[in-house]
Amino acid sequence: MVLKRLDAEQLHFACFTCAESIWLPLCALSRIPGMLPQNFSAAYALAFCAGVYFSRGMAWWLPLGTLLVTDIGLNLYYLHLGWSVFELPVLKYQLFNYAAYVCLIWLGRTFKPKASFTALLGGGILGALLFYFITNTASWFFNPFRNPEYTKTFMGWLTALTKGTAGWPETWQFFRNTLMSGGLFTGLFVGAMKLSEAAESKQEKEEKAPEEADGEGAVEEGKA
């Protein structure tokens, strides 16, 4: 398992270790009902940053596999509560969730790991925005929970994007949480990678300095 080539193999290992030991558990924990505000999740950042930093295969199966496992657990949990989670409209809606995550990974693939922190942070926020737009449009179109407000009109679609359905927080609050969590967790992941990269570059320079000094000394002796 390798990551996108940066400069040092240690950086590759650090990135994979970070994802394996921190980001995957964090993503899973952030999806537990009641753990965080609704739609406040590390999943958006995981998908985007996997596209940025991981190799072709891992960029796809690692985040999507993590999301699939946690979704199965969530479906079983909500099934126990009496929700109809395996009806066709619900499954179609979940399929569009995965389409949105695929878009986030693809978006991450368009960025290079050496891009600036600001650019990567902006990409993560853009990805969260894209996810919200796709999933809320799917919620309006398939209407898996039969919300009467989601009429098949422009106003019904606008209601799905801004207000939502009665008995739930307005969807603009979900939009806020999506953007905030996308920015926060992308910033944390990218910041950790930038710090690892800087530390690795410093170590490489320190290791090369004695070698260069020995080489210059040998040249001077040859001249003498």
Protein backbone atom coordinates (compact mmCIF):
# COMPACT_ATOMS: atom_id res chain seq x y z
CA MET A 1 0.00 0.00 0.00
CA VAL A 2 1.58 3.22 -1.13
CA LEU A 3 0.50 6.82 -1.27
CA LYS A 4 0.96 9.46 -3.93
CA ARG A 5 4.66 10.05 -4.30
CA LEU A 6 5.82 13.12 -2.40
CA ASP A 7 9.53 13.30 -1.55
CA ALA A 8 10.23 10.78 1.21
CA GLU A 9 9.10 7.27 1.94
CA GLN A 10 8.78 8.16 5.61
CA LEU A 11 6.15 10.75 4.70
CA HIS A 12 4.19 8.07 2.88
CA PHE A 13 4.31 5.87 5.92
CA ALA A 14 3.33 8.74 8.21
CA CYS A 15 0.32 9.57 6.05
CA PHE A 16 -0.94 6.00 5.99
CA THR A 17 -0.34 5.58 9.71
CA CYS A 18 -2.21 8.82 10.40
CA ALA A 19 -5.19 7.64 8.35
CA GLU A 20 -5.18 4.16 9.83
CA SER A 21 -4.77 5.14 13.48
CA ILE A 22 -6.57 8.50 13.63
CA TRP A 23 -8.70 9.44 10.64
CA LEU A 24 -10.56 6.20 10.03
CA PRO A 25 -11.59 5.82 13.70
CA LEU A 26 -12.41 9.54 13.82
CA CYS A 27 -14.58 9.23 10.71
CA ALA A 28 -16.41 6.24 12.20
CA LEU A 29 -16.91 7.95 15.57
CA SER A 30 -18.17 11.16 13.96
CA ARG A 31 -20.99 9.17 12.33
CA ILE A 32 -22.35 7.71 15.57
CA PRO A 33 -25.83 9.21 16.13
CA GLY A 34 -25.70 11.93 18.79
CA MET A 35 -21.89 12.03 18.92
CA LEU A 36 -21.75 15.33 16.97
CA PRO A 37 -24.35 17.74 15.55
CA GLN A 38 -26.18 16.37 12.53
CA ASN A 39 -24.14 16.53 9.31
CA PHE A 40 -21.03 17.47 11.32
CA SER A 41 -18.77 14.68 10.14
CA ALA A 42 -15.18 13.86 9.25
CA ALA A 43 -16.38 11.79 6.28
CA TYR A 44 -16.26 14.68 3.79
CA ALA A 45 -12.65 15.49 4.68
CA LEU A 46 -11.66 11.81 4.62
CA ALA A 47 -13.00 11.37 1.08
CA PHE A 48 -11.41 14.57 -0.23
CA CYS A 49 -8.02 14.07 1.47
CA ALA A 50 -7.90 10.42 0.39
CA GLY A 51 -8.12 11.68 -3.18
CA VAL A 52 -5.30 14.14 -2.55
CA TYR A 53 -2.82 11.96 -0.70
CA PHE A 54 -3.48 8.29 -1.34
CA SER A 55 -2.56 6.14 -4.32
CA ARG A 56 -5.15 5.36 -6.97
CA GLY A 57 -6.53 2.18 -5.45
CA MET A 58 -6.40 3.21 -1.82
CA ALA A 59 -7.93 6.61 -2.59
CA TRP A 60 -11.13 4.82 -3.55
CA TRP A 61 -11.49 1.69 -1.47
CA LEU A 62 -10.27 3.05 1.86
CA PRO A 63 -12.82 5.87 2.35
CA LEU A 64 -15.66 4.08 0.53
CA GLY A 65 -15.04 0.87 2.46
CA THR A 66 -15.04 2.78 5.76
CA LEU A 67 -18.29 4.52 4.85
CA LEU A 68 -19.91 1.25 3.72
CA VAL A 69 -19.09 -0.52 6.99
CA THR A 70 -20.38 2.38 9.09
CA ASP A 71 -23.50 2.71 6.92
CA ILE A 72 -24.35 -0.95 7.47
CA GLY A 73 -24.04 -0.39 11.20
CA LEU A 74 -26.19 2.75 11.03
CA ASN A 75 -28.87 0.99 8.97
CA LEU A 76 -29.07 -1.84 11.49
CA TYR A 77 -29.32 0.70 14.31
CA TYR A 78 -32.15 2.62 12.64
CA LEU A 79 -33.86 -0.62 11.64
CA HIS A 80 -33.92 -1.55 15.33
CA LEU A 81 -35.63 1.79 16.01
CA GLY A 82 -38.35 0.92 13.50
CA TRP A 83 -37.17 2.93 10.50
CA SER A 84 -37.72 1.49 7.02
CA VAL A 85 -34.10 1.73 5.94
CA PHE A 86 -34.13 -0.98 3.29
CA GLU A 87 -36.97 0.34 1.14
CA LEU A 88 -36.06 1.14 -2.47
CA PRO A 89 -36.34 4.98 -2.20
CA VAL A 90 -34.05 4.95 0.85
CA LEU A 91 -31.50 2.72 -0.89
CA LYS A 92 -31.59 4.96 -3.98
CA TYR A 93 -30.95 7.97 -1.76
CA GLN A 94 -28.00 6.21 -0.11
CA LEU A 95 -26.62 5.35 -3.52
CA PHE A 96 -26.53 9.07 -4.31
CA ASN A 97 -24.67 9.60 -1.03
CA TYR A 98 -21.95 7.34 -2.38
CA ALA A 99 -22.03 9.16 -5.71
CA ALA A 100 -21.37 12.35 -3.72
CA TYR A 101 -18.42 10.73 -1.92
CA VAL A 102 -17.05 9.57 -5.27
CA CYS A 103 -17.23 13.20 -6.44
CA LEU A 104 -15.29 14.28 -3.35
CA ILE A 105 -12.56 11.71 -4.02
CA TRP A 106 -12.42 12.75 -7.68
CA LEU A 107 -12.14 16.38 -6.60
CA GLY A 108 -9.26 15.46 -4.32
CA ARG A 109 -7.50 13.72 -7.22
CA THR A 110 -7.41 17.04 -9.08
CA PHE A 111 -5.23 18.54 -6.31
CA LYS A 112 -1.56 17.81 -5.75
CA PRO A 113 -0.22 17.08 -2.24
CA LYS A 114 2.23 19.98 -2.69
CA ALA A 115 -0.64 22.46 -3.17
CA SER A 116 -0.86 25.23 -0.59
CA PHE A 117 -2.74 24.77 2.65
CA THR A 118 -5.25 27.43 1.56
CA ALA A 119 -5.92 25.70 -1.76
CA LEU A 120 -6.47 22.31 -0.12
CA LEU A 121 -8.66 23.83 2.58
CA GLY A 122 -10.74 25.52 -0.11
CA GLY A 123 -11.00 22.21 -1.97
CA GLY A 124 -12.27 20.47 1.16
CA ILE A 125 -14.92 23.14 1.72
CA LEU A 126 -15.93 22.98 -1.95
CA GLY A 127 -16.24 19.21 -1.62
CA ALA A 128 -18.52 19.57 1.42
CA LEU A 129 -20.65 22.06 -0.52
CA LEU A 130 -20.86 19.64 -3.44
CA PHE A 131 -21.84 16.81 -1.11
CA TYR A 132 -24.64 18.86 0.45
CA PHE A 133 -26.00 19.90 -2.94
CA ILE A 134 -26.02 16.36 -4.37
CA THR A 135 -27.48 14.62 -1.31
CA ASN A 136 -30.19 17.20 -0.63
CA THR A 137 -31.20 17.17 -4.28
CA ALA A 138 -31.43 13.37 -4.07
CA SER A 139 -33.48 13.68 -0.87
CA TRP A 140 -35.90 15.98 -2.70
CA PHE A 141 -36.06 13.87 -5.86
CA PHE A 142 -36.50 10.42 -4.27
CA ASN A 143 -38.20 11.70 -1.09
CA PRO A 144 -37.47 8.46 0.79
CA PHE A 145 -39.30 9.56 3.94
CA ARG A 146 -42.31 10.96 2.05
CA ASN A 147 -41.93 14.55 3.20
CA PRO A 148 -45.00 16.48 1.97
CA GLU A 149 -42.94 19.66 1.49
CA TYR A 150 -40.75 18.06 -1.19
CA THR A 151 -43.05 18.57 -4.15
CA LYS A 152 -41.56 17.95 -7.58
CA THR A 153 -41.30 21.67 -8.32
CA PHE A 154 -38.57 24.27 -8.16
CA MET A 155 -39.96 25.52 -4.85
CA GLY A 156 -39.99 21.98 -3.48
CA TRP A 157 -36.32 21.59 -4.43
CA LEU A 158 -35.49 24.98 -2.88
CA THR A 159 -37.31 23.92 0.29
CA ALA A 160 -35.16 20.78 0.46
CA LEU A 161 -32.01 22.89 0.17
CA THR A 162 -32.93 25.62 2.64
CA LYS A 163 -35.78 24.75 5.00
CA GLY A 164 -36.39 21.02 5.04
CA THR A 165 -39.35 19.26 6.57
CA ALA A 166 -41.43 19.91 9.68
CA GLY A 167 -40.21 18.34 12.91
CA TRP A 168 -36.53 18.60 11.97
CA PRO A 169 -33.99 21.43 12.13
CA GLU A 170 -34.00 23.55 9.01
CA THR A 171 -31.67 22.23 6.34
CA TRP A 172 -29.62 25.42 6.24
CA GLN A 173 -28.35 24.32 9.67
CA PHE A 174 -27.23 21.02 8.13
CA PHE A 175 -25.57 23.05 5.39
CA ARG A 176 -23.70 25.09 8.01
CA ASN A 177 -22.56 21.96 9.83
CA THR A 178 -21.46 20.34 6.57
CA LEU A 179 -19.30 23.32 5.60
CA MET A 180 -17.88 23.77 9.11
CA SER A 181 -16.93 20.12 9.53
CA GLY A 182 -15.59 19.88 5.99
CA GLY A 183 -13.34 22.87 6.62
CA LEU A 184 -12.32 21.84 10.15
CA PHE A 185 -11.37 18.23 9.43
CA THR A 186 -9.76 19.04 6.08
CA GLY A 187 -7.69 21.71 7.81
CA LEU A 188 -6.61 19.26 10.52
CA PHE A 189 -5.67 16.53 8.06
CA VAL A 190 -3.85 18.83 5.64
CA GLY A 191 -2.16 20.68 8.51
CA ALA A 192 -0.85 17.39 9.90
CA MET A 193 0.49 16.41 6.48
CA LYS A 194 2.15 19.80 5.94
CA LEU A 195 3.87 19.54 9.33
CA SER A 196 5.03 15.99 8.55
CA GLU A 197 6.34 17.13 5.20
CA ALA A 198 8.21 20.08 6.73
CA ALA A 199 9.75 17.86 9.42
CA GLU A 200 10.79 15.30 6.83
CA SER A 201 12.39 17.96 4.60
CA LYS A 202 14.34 19.33 7.57
CA GLN A 203 15.56 15.85 8.47
CA GLU A 204 16.67 15.19 4.89
CA LYS A 205 18.62 18.45 4.81
CA GLU A 206 20.33 17.61 8.08
CA GLU A 207 21.27 14.15 6.77
CA LYS A 208 22.63 15.54 3.49
CA ALA A 209 24.72 18.28 5.12
CA PRO A 210 27.48 15.94 6.49
CA GLU A 211 27.60 14.06 3.17
CA GLU A 212 28.07 17.29 1.22
CA ALA A 213 30.74 18.44 3.66
CA ASP A 214 32.63 15.13 3.24
CA GLY A 215 32.38 15.45 -0.53
CA GLU A 216 33.79 18.97 -0.51
CA GLY A 217 36.62 17.82 1.74
CA ALA A 218 37.53 15.02 -0.63
CA VAL A 219 37.60 17.47 -3.55
CA GLU A 220 39.94 19.82 -1.68
CA GLU A 221 42.30 16.93 -0.83
CA GLY A 222 42.33 15.90 -4.49
CA LYS A 223 43.30 19.44 -5.53
CA ALA A 224 46.13 19.48 -2.97
